N, C-alpha and C. Protein backbone atom coordinates (compact mmCIF):
# COMPACT_ATOMS: atom_id res chain seq x y z
N UNK A 1 0.81 -1.43 0.20
CA UNK A 1 -0.55 -0.15 -0.51
C UNK A 1 0.74 1.24 -0.03
N UNK A 2 2.26 0.87 0.43
CA UNK A 2 2.68 2.43 0.78
C UNK A 2 3.58 2.56 -0.42
N UNK A 3 3.74 1.04 -0.39
CA UNK A 3 3.87 1.38 -2.24
C UNK A 3 3.46 2.23 -3.61
N UNK A 4 2.86 1.76 -3.51
CA UNK A 4 1.35 2.78 -4.41
C UNK A 4 1.41 3.92 -3.88
N UNK A 5 1.31 4.16 -2.84
CA UNK A 5 0.94 5.83 -2.84
C UNK A 5 1.85 6.96 -2.77
N UNK A 6 3.09 6.16 -2.84
CA UNK A 6 4.24 5.99 -2.78
C UNK A 6 4.53 6.65 -4.50
N UNK A 7 3.64 5.80 -5.82
CA UNK A 7 3.83 5.62 -6.70
C UNK A 7 3.08 6.83 -6.97
N UNK A 8 1.65 7.13 -6.65
CA UNK A 8 0.51 7.68 -7.21
C UNK A 8 0.70 9.45 -6.56
N UNK A 9 1.86 9.26 -5.66
CA UNK A 9 2.81 11.15 -4.75
C UNK A 9 3.93 11.83 -6.31
N UNK A 10 4.90 10.15 -6.57
CA UNK A 10 5.10 11.10 -7.12
C UNK A 10 4.71 10.93 -8.72
N UNK A 11 3.86 10.49 -8.78
CA UNK A 11 3.21 10.48 -10.32
C UNK A 11 1.93 12.71 -11.27
N UNK A 12 1.47 12.43 -9.14
CA UNK A 12 1.39 13.85 -9.10
C UNK A 12 2.20 14.86 -9.38
N UNK A 13 3.31 14.87 -8.26
CA UNK A 13 4.12 15.80 -8.37
C UNK A 13 4.68 15.68 -9.82
N UNK A 14 4.69 14.86 -10.96
CA UNK A 14 5.37 15.21 -11.91
C UNK A 14 4.44 15.53 -12.71
N UNK A 15 2.97 15.58 -12.74
CA UNK A 15 2.33 15.84 -13.45
C UNK A 15 2.14 16.86 -12.98
N UNK A 16 2.13 17.75 -11.44
CA UNK A 16 2.15 19.69 -11.84
C UNK A 16 3.76 20.40 -12.70
N UNK A 17 5.18 19.11 -12.53
CA UNK A 17 5.57 19.66 -12.92
C UNK A 17 5.05 20.11 -15.13
N UNK A 18 4.96 18.45 -15.27
CA UNK A 18 4.60 18.69 -16.29
C UNK A 18 3.83 19.69 -17.20
N UNK A 19 2.51 20.29 -16.54
CA UNK A 19 0.97 21.54 -15.95
C UNK A 19 1.41 22.54 -16.15
N UNK A 20 2.86 22.27 -15.76
CA UNK A 20 3.34 23.46 -15.17
C UNK A 20 3.42 25.34 -16.18
N UNK A 21 3.27 26.00 -16.41
CA UNK A 21 2.58 27.04 -17.03
C UNK A 21 4.15 27.54 -17.47
N UNK A 22 3.86 28.47 -18.46
CA UNK A 22 5.15 29.30 -19.31
C UNK A 22 5.24 30.75 -18.75
N UNK A 23 6.42 30.89 -19.21
CA UNK A 23 6.84 32.62 -19.24
C UNK A 23 7.31 32.92 -20.13
N UNK A 24 7.70 34.19 -21.14
CA UNK A 24 7.79 34.35 -22.17
C UNK A 24 8.30 35.92 -22.13
N UNK A 25 9.20 36.23 -22.21
CA UNK A 25 9.61 38.16 -22.16
C UNK A 25 10.73 38.19 -24.41
N UNK A 26 8.90 39.35 -24.72
CA UNK A 26 10.20 39.48 -25.86
C UNK A 26 10.30 40.59 -25.83
N UNK A 27 11.22 41.42 -26.63
CA UNK A 27 11.39 42.93 -26.80
C UNK A 27 11.29 43.23 -28.41
N UNK A 28 10.64 43.76 -29.02
CA UNK A 28 10.10 45.03 -29.87
C UNK A 28 11.46 45.48 -30.76
N UNK A 29 12.27 45.37 -29.87
CA UNK A 29 13.66 46.00 -31.13
C UNK A 29 14.64 45.29 -30.82
N UNK A 30 16.56 45.01 -30.34
CA UNK A 30 17.07 44.81 -29.72
C UNK A 30 18.43 46.02 -30.34
N UNK A 31 17.90 47.42 -30.75
CA UNK A 31 18.38 48.54 -30.85
C UNK A 31 17.77 49.37 -31.38
N UNK A 32 17.94 50.65 -30.84
CA UNK A 32 16.25 51.43 -31.03
C UNK A 32 17.22 53.17 -30.92
N UNK A 33 16.59 53.71 -31.41
CA UNK A 33 16.64 55.00 -31.13
C UNK A 33 16.47 56.57 -29.35
N UNK A 34 17.77 57.02 -29.55
CA UNK A 34 17.13 57.27 -28.43
C UNK A 34 15.71 58.66 -28.67
N UNK A 35 14.34 57.65 -27.62
CA UNK A 35 14.12 58.62 -27.36
C UNK A 35 12.66 57.94 -28.30
N UNK A 36 12.80 56.76 -28.38
CA UNK A 36 12.43 55.98 -29.27
C UNK A 36 11.32 54.65 -28.05
N UNK A 37 10.23 54.30 -28.28
CA UNK A 37 9.83 53.74 -27.31
C UNK A 37 10.51 52.12 -27.63
N UNK A 38 10.15 51.45 -26.66
CA UNK A 38 10.70 49.81 -26.73
C UNK A 38 9.88 49.19 -25.30
N UNK A 39 9.35 47.83 -27.10
CA UNK A 39 8.05 47.52 -25.96
C UNK A 39 7.99 46.07 -25.92
N UNK A 40 8.27 45.51 -24.01
CA UNK A 40 8.49 44.53 -23.83
C UNK A 40 7.30 43.91 -23.83
N UNK A 41 7.00 41.97 -24.16
CA UNK A 41 5.43 41.65 -24.74
C UNK A 41 5.95 40.34 -23.67
N UNK A 42 5.37 40.70 -22.72
CA UNK A 42 5.00 38.84 -22.14
C UNK A 42 3.07 37.84 -22.09
N UNK A 43 4.02 36.68 -21.74
CA UNK A 43 3.12 36.44 -22.63
C UNK A 43 3.18 34.72 -20.90
N UNK A 44 2.13 34.75 -21.05
CA UNK A 44 2.30 33.05 -19.90
C UNK A 44 1.37 32.60 -20.24
N UNK A 45 1.31 30.79 -20.37
CA UNK A 45 0.21 30.08 -19.95
C UNK A 45 -0.22 28.98 -19.27
N UNK A 46 0.34 29.69 -18.15
CA UNK A 46 0.04 29.95 -16.81
C UNK A 46 -0.35 30.01 -15.74
N UNK A 47 -0.73 29.87 -14.69
CA UNK A 47 -2.65 31.17 -13.94
C UNK A 47 -1.01 31.78 -12.29
N UNK A 48 -1.52 31.90 -12.04
CA UNK A 48 -0.45 32.74 -11.13
C UNK A 48 1.00 33.26 -11.27
N UNK A 49 0.22 34.09 -12.77
CA UNK A 49 1.70 34.26 -12.54
C UNK A 49 2.46 36.29 -12.32
N UNK A 50 3.26 35.83 -11.81
CA UNK A 50 3.54 37.66 -11.33
C UNK A 50 5.32 37.68 -11.91
N UNK A 51 4.95 39.54 -12.49
CA UNK A 51 6.88 39.63 -12.82
C UNK A 51 7.12 40.45 -11.75
N UNK A 52 8.59 40.81 -12.00
CA UNK A 52 9.33 41.91 -11.12
C UNK A 52 10.65 41.92 -12.42
N UNK A 53 9.87 43.12 -13.29
CA UNK A 53 10.91 43.94 -13.94
C UNK A 53 11.70 44.89 -13.47
N UNK A 54 13.31 44.35 -13.54
CA UNK A 54 13.59 46.21 -13.54
C UNK A 54 13.59 46.65 -14.34
N UNK A 55 13.39 47.77 -13.95
CA UNK A 55 13.92 48.63 -14.21
C UNK A 55 14.95 49.92 -14.39
N UNK A 56 16.42 49.52 -15.87
CA UNK A 56 17.69 50.33 -15.64
C UNK A 56 17.23 51.79 -15.50
N UNK A 57 18.42 52.49 -15.65
CA UNK A 57 18.84 53.90 -14.17
C UNK A 57 19.22 54.35 -16.41
N UNK A 58 17.89 55.15 -15.86
CA UNK A 58 18.05 55.87 -17.25
C UNK A 58 17.16 55.87 -17.67
N UNK A 59 15.73 54.64 -17.31
CA UNK A 59 14.86 54.58 -18.19
C UNK A 59 13.65 54.59 -17.43
N UNK A 60 12.10 55.42 -18.51
CA UNK A 60 11.06 56.01 -17.82
C UNK A 60 10.38 54.40 -17.95
N UNK A 61 9.15 54.99 -17.64
CA UNK A 61 8.31 53.73 -17.93
C UNK A 61 6.67 54.93 -18.82
N UNK A 62 6.54 53.92 -19.81
CA UNK A 62 5.19 54.44 -20.55
C UNK A 62 4.09 53.75 -20.62
N UNK A 63 3.75 52.75 -20.00
CA UNK A 63 3.41 52.06 -19.77
C UNK A 63 3.50 50.78 -18.89
N UNK A 64 2.89 50.84 -17.49
CA UNK A 64 3.17 49.74 -17.05
C UNK A 64 2.45 48.72 -16.76
N UNK A 65 1.60 48.43 -17.90
CA UNK A 65 1.22 47.13 -17.50
C UNK A 65 0.15 46.61 -16.13
N UNK A 66 -0.07 47.99 -15.44
CA UNK A 66 -1.06 48.10 -14.22
C UNK A 66 -0.95 47.88 -12.73
N UNK A 67 0.57 47.92 -13.31
CA UNK A 67 1.62 47.37 -12.07
C UNK A 67 2.37 49.13 -11.05
N UNK A 68 3.25 48.22 -10.40
CA UNK A 68 3.65 49.27 -9.49
C UNK A 68 5.08 49.43 -9.34
N UNK A 69 5.51 50.45 -9.57
CA UNK A 69 7.32 50.63 -9.63
C UNK A 69 7.41 50.86 -7.72
N UNK A 70 8.46 50.37 -7.24
CA UNK A 70 9.38 50.27 -6.02
C UNK A 70 10.93 50.18 -6.52
N UNK A 71 11.46 51.03 -5.38
CA UNK A 71 13.01 51.43 -6.43
C UNK A 71 13.72 50.49 -7.57
N UNK A 72 12.73 50.69 -9.01
CA UNK A 72 13.15 50.53 -9.58
C UNK A 72 12.53 49.05 -10.77
N UNK A 73 11.64 48.98 -9.75
CA UNK A 73 11.19 47.31 -9.91
C UNK A 73 9.96 47.09 -10.97
N UNK A 74 10.20 47.20 -11.87
CA UNK A 74 8.16 47.27 -11.97
C UNK A 74 7.51 45.61 -11.86
N UNK A 75 5.90 45.63 -10.43
CA UNK A 75 5.90 44.31 -10.17
C UNK A 75 4.13 44.50 -11.09
N UNK A 76 4.08 42.87 -11.54
CA UNK A 76 2.62 42.86 -11.80
C UNK A 76 1.97 41.72 -12.11
N UNK A 77 0.81 41.41 -11.96
CA UNK A 77 0.47 40.08 -12.76
C UNK A 77 0.23 40.21 -13.53
N UNK A 78 0.30 38.81 -14.36
CA UNK A 78 0.19 38.37 -16.31
C UNK A 78 -0.87 37.67 -15.90
N UNK A 79 -1.87 37.58 -16.23
CA UNK A 79 -2.62 37.22 -17.42
C UNK A 79 -3.55 36.88 -19.11
N UNK A 80 -2.29 35.64 -19.79
CA UNK A 80 -2.22 36.00 -20.84
C UNK A 80 -1.53 36.65 -21.33
N UNK A 81 -1.05 37.80 -21.95
CA UNK A 81 -0.27 38.46 -22.57
C UNK A 81 0.27 39.69 -22.04
N UNK A 82 0.74 40.69 -21.44
CA UNK A 82 0.70 41.55 -21.57
C UNK A 82 1.58 42.72 -22.16
N UNK A 83 1.39 43.76 -22.25
CA UNK A 83 2.91 44.80 -22.81
C UNK A 83 3.39 45.67 -22.24
N UNK A 84 4.76 46.22 -21.53
CA UNK A 84 5.17 46.72 -20.72
C UNK A 84 6.53 48.86 -21.43
N UNK A 85 5.82 49.29 -21.20
CA UNK A 85 6.32 49.77 -22.68
C UNK A 85 6.97 51.62 -21.97
N UNK A 86 8.86 51.69 -22.44
CA UNK A 86 9.65 51.53 -21.82
C UNK A 86 10.41 52.92 -22.45
N UNK A 87 10.57 54.58 -22.23
CA UNK A 87 11.93 54.56 -22.39
C UNK A 87 13.04 56.07 -22.11
N UNK A 88 13.87 55.53 -23.50
CA UNK A 88 14.97 56.40 -22.35
C UNK A 88 15.69 57.20 -23.51
N UNK A 89 16.36 58.69 -23.21
CA UNK A 89 17.12 59.69 -23.48
C UNK A 89 18.25 59.35 -23.59
N UNK A 90 19.17 57.59 -23.42
CA UNK A 90 20.38 58.04 -23.18
C UNK A 90 20.53 56.92 -24.11
N UNK A 91 21.76 57.12 -24.66
CA UNK A 91 22.68 56.33 -25.53
C UNK A 91 23.63 54.88 -24.55
N UNK A 92 24.24 54.91 -25.47
CA UNK A 92 25.11 52.94 -24.74
C UNK A 92 23.50 51.58 -24.51
N UNK A 93 24.63 50.71 -24.39
CA UNK A 93 24.25 49.62 -24.15
C UNK A 93 23.84 48.96 -22.67
N UNK A 94 22.24 48.57 -22.69
CA UNK A 94 21.76 48.73 -21.54
C UNK A 94 20.83 46.52 -21.33
N UNK A 95 22.03 46.08 -20.23
CA UNK A 95 21.28 44.97 -20.36
C UNK A 95 19.94 44.59 -19.51
N UNK A 96 19.08 44.01 -19.44
CA UNK A 96 18.02 43.86 -18.73
C UNK A 96 17.63 42.41 -18.54
N UNK A 97 17.93 42.51 -17.11
CA UNK A 97 16.37 41.55 -16.22
C UNK A 97 15.91 41.42 -16.07
N UNK A 98 15.18 40.48 -14.93
CA UNK A 98 13.78 40.39 -14.54
C UNK A 98 13.88 38.83 -14.70
N UNK A 99 12.68 38.69 -13.56
CA UNK A 99 12.82 37.49 -12.48
C UNK A 99 10.62 37.23 -12.86
N UNK A 100 10.01 35.46 -12.81
CA UNK A 100 8.88 35.80 -12.59
C UNK A 100 8.49 34.56 -11.89
N UNK A 101 7.45 34.23 -11.46
CA UNK A 101 6.85 33.09 -10.54
C UNK A 101 5.22 33.14 -11.40
N UNK A 102 5.71 31.67 -11.82
CA UNK A 102 4.94 30.54 -12.41
C UNK A 102 4.02 29.59 -11.24
N UNK A 103 2.74 29.51 -12.11
CA UNK A 103 1.38 28.13 -10.59
C UNK A 103 2.90 27.76 -8.95
N UNK A 104 2.90 29.33 -8.71
CA UNK A 104 3.42 28.89 -7.31
C UNK A 104 5.11 28.53 -7.04
N UNK A 105 5.47 27.99 -8.54
CA UNK A 105 6.89 27.96 -8.71
C UNK A 105 7.95 28.89 -7.94
N UNK A 106 8.90 28.93 -7.40
CA UNK A 106 10.53 29.95 -6.80
C UNK A 106 10.13 31.07 -7.98
N UNK A 107 10.92 32.25 -8.01
CA UNK A 107 11.26 33.42 -8.90
C UNK A 107 11.73 33.06 -9.40
N UNK A 108 12.14 32.76 -10.58
CA UNK A 108 12.88 32.49 -11.65
C UNK A 108 13.16 33.48 -12.58
N UNK A 109 14.80 33.63 -13.33
CA UNK A 109 15.66 34.05 -14.18
C UNK A 109 15.06 34.33 -14.96
N UNK A 110 15.12 36.17 -15.60
CA UNK A 110 14.54 35.23 -17.53
C UNK A 110 16.18 35.68 -17.90
N UNK A 111 16.11 35.62 -19.25
CA UNK A 111 17.01 35.48 -19.73
C UNK A 111 18.01 37.23 -19.41
N UNK A 112 19.11 37.52 -19.58
CA UNK A 112 19.05 38.38 -19.88
C UNK A 112 18.94 39.25 -20.99
N UNK A 113 18.88 40.13 -22.30
CA UNK A 113 18.74 40.52 -23.24
C UNK A 113 19.42 42.52 -22.80
N UNK A 114 20.34 43.03 -24.05
CA UNK A 114 20.70 43.97 -24.39
C UNK A 114 20.06 44.30 -24.89
N UNK A 115 20.15 45.56 -24.91
CA UNK A 115 19.31 46.46 -25.85
C UNK A 115 20.60 47.66 -26.15
N UNK A 116 20.54 47.89 -27.48
CA UNK A 116 21.52 49.20 -27.93
C UNK A 116 20.73 50.43 -28.48
N UNK A 117 20.42 51.58 -27.77
CA UNK A 117 20.46 52.52 -27.98
C UNK A 117 21.05 53.67 -28.82
N UNK A 118 20.77 54.33 -29.85
CA UNK A 118 21.58 54.95 -29.83
C UNK A 118 22.38 54.38 -30.81
N UNK A 119 21.96 53.34 -32.08
CA UNK A 119 22.34 53.06 -32.33
C UNK A 119 22.27 52.94 -33.95
N UNK A 120 22.46 52.03 -34.96
CA UNK A 120 22.42 52.25 -36.64
C UNK A 120 20.55 52.32 -36.59
N UNK A 121 19.63 52.51 -36.41
CA UNK A 121 18.26 51.90 -36.74
C UNK A 121 17.99 52.44 -38.11
N UNK A 122 17.88 51.63 -38.59
CA UNK A 122 17.45 51.50 -40.12
C UNK A 122 16.50 52.22 -40.61
N UNK A 123 16.50 53.02 -42.18
CA UNK A 123 15.73 54.00 -42.41
C UNK A 123 15.47 53.66 -44.21
N UNK A 124 13.89 53.70 -44.47
CA UNK A 124 13.23 53.12 -45.94
C UNK A 124 13.74 54.67 -46.39
N UNK A 125 14.51 55.23 -47.37
CA UNK A 125 13.41 56.57 -48.11
C UNK A 125 12.54 56.41 -48.65
N UNK A 126 12.64 57.87 -48.39
CA UNK A 126 10.99 58.17 -49.35
C UNK A 126 11.58 59.69 -49.16
N UNK A 127 11.88 60.54 -51.19
CA UNK A 127 12.40 61.50 -51.28
C UNK A 127 11.12 61.85 -51.52
N UNK A 128 10.92 63.02 -50.44
CA UNK A 128 9.99 64.22 -50.66
C UNK A 128 10.33 65.74 -51.51
N UNK A 129 9.47 66.05 -52.26
CA UNK A 129 10.35 67.34 -53.03
C UNK A 129 8.93 68.34 -52.46
N UNK A 130 10.26 70.22 -52.65
CA UNK A 130 9.30 71.05 -51.86
C UNK A 130 8.99 71.75 -53.77
N UNK A 131 8.56 73.34 -53.14
CA UNK A 131 8.32 73.46 -54.99
C UNK A 131 10.06 74.70 -55.74
N UNK A 132 9.81 74.32 -56.80
CA UNK A 132 10.59 74.82 -57.74
C UNK A 132 10.59 76.54 -56.86
N UNK A 133 11.84 77.12 -56.74
CA UNK A 133 12.73 78.56 -57.06
C UNK A 133 12.31 79.67 -58.51
N UNK A 134 11.68 80.42 -57.83
CA UNK A 134 11.53 81.67 -59.11
C UNK A 134 13.04 80.88 -60.45
N UNK A 135 12.72 81.15 -61.82
CA UNK A 135 13.45 80.95 -62.48
C UNK A 135 14.85 82.05 -63.05
N UNK A 136 15.88 81.36 -62.87
CA UNK A 136 16.91 82.78 -62.17
C UNK A 136 18.37 82.52 -64.02
N UNK A 137 18.65 82.68 -64.36
CA UNK A 137 19.56 82.75 -65.06
C UNK A 137 19.15 81.43 -66.09
N UNK A 138 17.52 81.34 -66.38
CA UNK A 138 17.62 79.45 -66.87
C UNK A 138 17.76 78.82 -66.38
N UNK A 139 18.05 78.21 -64.53
CA UNK A 139 17.79 77.77 -64.17
C UNK A 139 16.82 77.62 -63.06
N UNK A 140 16.42 76.30 -62.24
CA UNK A 140 15.20 76.88 -60.83
C UNK A 140 15.94 75.35 -59.92
N UNK A 141 15.67 76.36 -58.70
CA UNK A 141 16.44 74.32 -57.68
C UNK A 141 15.13 74.69 -57.09
N UNK A 142 15.37 73.01 -56.59
CA UNK A 142 14.04 72.81 -54.84
C UNK A 142 15.09 71.86 -54.34
N UNK A 143 14.51 71.83 -52.82
CA UNK A 143 14.81 71.55 -51.67
C UNK A 143 14.17 69.91 -51.88
N UNK A 144 14.99 68.81 -51.88
CA UNK A 144 14.26 67.14 -51.43
C UNK A 144 15.29 66.99 -49.95
N UNK A 145 14.33 65.83 -49.44
CA UNK A 145 14.63 65.33 -48.39
C UNK A 145 13.54 63.70 -47.74
N UNK A 146 14.50 62.77 -47.88
CA UNK A 146 14.11 61.12 -48.15
C UNK A 146 14.26 61.23 -46.54
N UNK A 147 13.19 61.89 -45.46
CA UNK A 147 13.34 61.27 -44.14
C UNK A 147 14.07 60.21 -43.33
N UNK A 148 15.52 60.51 -44.12
CA UNK A 148 16.27 59.93 -43.19
C UNK A 148 17.45 60.52 -42.70
N UNK A 149 17.00 61.44 -42.90
CA UNK A 149 18.11 63.15 -42.68
C UNK A 149 19.10 63.50 -43.65
N UNK A 150 18.78 62.65 -45.03
CA UNK A 150 19.59 62.98 -46.28
C UNK A 150 18.86 64.04 -46.35
N UNK A 151 19.68 64.91 -47.74
CA UNK A 151 18.74 66.23 -48.03
C UNK A 151 19.75 66.01 -49.34
N UNK A 152 18.89 66.46 -50.54
CA UNK A 152 19.94 66.95 -51.77
C UNK A 152 18.50 68.35 -52.30
N UNK A 153 19.86 69.10 -52.82
CA UNK A 153 18.56 69.65 -54.31
C UNK A 153 18.91 69.42 -55.63
N UNK A 154 17.29 69.79 -56.44
CA UNK A 154 18.00 68.99 -57.49
C UNK A 154 17.52 69.81 -58.89
N UNK A 155 18.31 70.94 -59.95
CA UNK A 155 17.77 71.74 -60.36
C UNK A 155 17.56 71.57 -61.60
N UNK A 156 16.27 72.06 -63.04
CA UNK A 156 16.34 72.52 -63.77
C UNK A 156 16.43 73.45 -64.69
N UNK A 157 17.09 72.93 -66.56
CA UNK A 157 16.69 74.04 -66.98
C UNK A 157 15.47 74.87 -66.94
N UNK A 158 14.73 76.08 -66.70
CA UNK A 158 13.68 77.08 -66.91
C UNK A 158 13.93 77.83 -68.80
N UNK A 159 12.47 79.04 -68.56
CA UNK A 159 12.35 79.97 -69.36
C UNK A 159 11.71 81.05 -68.78
N UNK A 160 12.92 82.77 -68.43
CA UNK A 160 12.51 83.54 -68.00
C UNK A 160 11.77 84.48 -68.23
N UNK A 161 10.41 84.65 -67.04
CA UNK A 161 9.72 85.16 -67.60
C UNK A 161 10.08 86.73 -68.01
N UNK A 162 9.83 87.53 -69.59
CA UNK A 162 10.65 88.54 -69.44
C UNK A 162 9.42 89.48 -69.15
N UNK A 163 8.37 89.59 -67.47
CA UNK A 163 7.32 90.51 -67.54
C UNK A 163 8.44 92.01 -67.16
N UNK A 164 7.75 93.10 -68.43
CA UNK A 164 8.12 94.61 -67.52
C UNK A 164 8.89 95.07 -68.68
N UNK A 165 8.95 94.21 -70.06
CA UNK A 165 10.19 94.08 -71.23
C UNK A 165 9.12 94.62 -72.35
N UNK A 166 8.53 94.10 -72.51
CA UNK A 166 6.87 93.92 -73.15
C UNK A 166 6.60 96.05 -73.07
N UNK A 167 6.10 96.28 -74.50
CA UNK A 167 5.31 97.41 -74.81
C UNK A 167 4.71 97.02 -74.51
N UNK A 168 3.37 98.04 -73.62
CA UNK A 168 2.06 98.10 -73.15
C UNK A 168 0.87 97.58 -73.66
N UNK A 169 0.76 97.44 -75.41
CA UNK A 169 0.27 96.91 -76.52
C UNK A 169 0.40 95.46 -76.26
N UNK A 170 1.51 95.04 -75.85
CA UNK A 170 2.62 94.10 -76.86
C UNK A 170 1.71 92.81 -75.31
N UNK A 171 2.01 91.45 -75.52
CA UNK A 171 1.75 90.81 -74.56
C UNK A 171 2.78 89.62 -74.59
N UNK A 172 2.55 88.56 -72.89
CA UNK A 172 4.11 88.05 -74.03
C UNK A 172 3.26 86.50 -73.01
N UNK A 173 3.91 85.80 -74.98
CA UNK A 173 3.23 84.82 -75.04
C UNK A 173 4.54 83.59 -75.58
N UNK A 174 4.60 83.35 -74.72
CA UNK A 174 5.65 81.40 -74.64
C UNK A 174 7.49 81.87 -74.61
N UNK A 175 7.54 83.21 -74.10
CA UNK A 175 8.11 84.12 -73.93
C UNK A 175 9.09 85.10 -74.39
N UNK A 176 8.36 85.75 -75.56
CA UNK A 176 7.99 86.71 -76.46
C UNK A 176 6.84 88.22 -76.75
N UNK A 177 7.49 88.71 -76.63
CA UNK A 177 6.36 90.14 -77.11
C UNK A 177 5.78 89.86 -78.64
N UNK A 178 4.74 90.53 -78.01
CA UNK A 178 3.52 90.03 -79.98
C UNK A 178 1.99 90.91 -79.05
N UNK A 179 2.94 91.15 -80.18
CA UNK A 179 0.91 92.24 -80.49
C UNK A 179 -0.39 91.25 -80.72
N UNK A 180 -0.83 91.49 -80.14
CA UNK A 180 -2.23 90.51 -79.69
C UNK A 180 -3.51 91.04 -81.03
N UNK A 181 -4.29 90.13 -81.54
CA UNK A 181 -4.78 90.79 -83.01
C UNK A 181 -5.81 92.42 -83.06
N UNK A 182 -6.61 92.42 -80.90
CA UNK A 182 -7.35 92.98 -80.72
C UNK A 182 -6.78 94.62 -81.09
N UNK A 183 -5.51 94.35 -81.11
CA UNK A 183 -4.01 96.31 -81.31
C UNK A 183 -4.64 96.37 -83.20
N UNK A 184 -4.56 95.71 -83.93
CA UNK A 184 -4.61 95.91 -84.88
C UNK A 184 -6.27 96.32 -85.17
N UNK A 185 -6.53 95.21 -84.93
CA UNK A 185 -8.10 95.61 -84.91
C UNK A 185 -8.57 97.46 -84.37
N UNK A 186 -7.84 97.51 -83.14
CA UNK A 186 -7.63 98.79 -82.87
C UNK A 186 -7.86 100.44 -84.00
N UNK A 187 -6.46 99.64 -84.43
CA UNK A 187 -5.42 100.36 -85.24
C UNK A 187 -6.30 100.71 -86.53
N UNK A 188 -6.85 100.12 -86.86
CA UNK A 188 -8.10 99.54 -88.08
C UNK A 188 -9.05 100.32 -88.45
N UNK A 189 -9.98 100.56 -86.96
CA UNK A 189 -11.19 101.79 -86.31
C UNK A 189 -10.78 102.49 -86.02
N UNK A 190 -8.97 103.17 -85.40
CA UNK A 190 -8.63 104.45 -85.24
C UNK A 190 -8.58 104.76 -86.56
N UNK A 191 -7.79 104.14 -87.75
CA UNK A 191 -7.29 104.73 -88.80
C UNK A 191 -8.58 104.56 -89.49
N UNK A 192 -10.18 104.16 -89.72
CA UNK A 192 -11.62 104.89 -90.68
C UNK A 192 -11.46 105.04 -89.83
N UNK A 193 -11.76 105.92 -88.59
CA UNK A 193 -11.99 107.31 -87.64
C UNK A 193 -11.98 108.41 -88.04
N UNK A 194 -10.00 107.86 -88.67
CA UNK A 194 -9.59 109.62 -88.80
C UNK A 194 -9.81 110.16 -90.19
N UNK A 195 -10.13 108.78 -91.21
CA UNK A 195 -10.11 108.91 -92.52
C UNK A 195 -11.54 109.21 -92.90
N UNK A 196 -13.00 108.95 -92.16
CA UNK A 196 -13.54 109.76 -91.59
C UNK A 196 -13.88 110.98 -91.73
N UNK A 197 -13.37 110.99 -90.56
CA UNK A 197 -13.20 112.59 -90.31
C UNK A 197 -12.81 113.75 -91.35
N UNK A 198 -11.93 113.41 -91.83
CA UNK A 198 -10.99 113.86 -92.99
C UNK A 198 -11.59 114.33 -94.38
N UNK A 199 -12.59 113.30 -94.87
CA UNK A 199 -13.28 113.13 -95.77
C UNK A 199 -14.53 114.14 -96.16
N UNK A 200 -14.78 114.87 -94.35
CA UNK A 200 -16.27 115.48 -94.24
C UNK A 200 -16.38 116.70 -94.30
């Protein structure tokens, strides 16, 4: 009877170990720019899960997943998935540590993860350009930037407007001063009026 009881007890203990939940911690990125948010996602498959996340010096908490912070340690209970958001304005590499309890276990350590702040953050260029400047010496320019901190100036040839160089009765058409049809009509009418006045 003692043997059967011992075997049953051992089976219960093993089944408890097999059925214990798991906890994972993932980071949105391992290289971020200063003042960029870092999301830490925690997921548990067990019950009674509690998280202790150390907040490194120089980092601030943007979203604490409903937890409390004491002595730079964020503590919260976890059911399913939660996201903690942190931010820093300091450059360098930070090592994130932390602990968790799941299904009544002792405190277990998360694997340490290094986050580099102010490192090279990839940017996909997308060029946008402003309006063209006025035409000067048959050339005009415009400024463009790629949204990643790079800029350039584009140039193109152009025809300068000759405003002010035409006579008062002329019009500027395709960069040239041209006498419009109405001037000829007015001239013919004025000539006829003059001829008729002289004939009387």
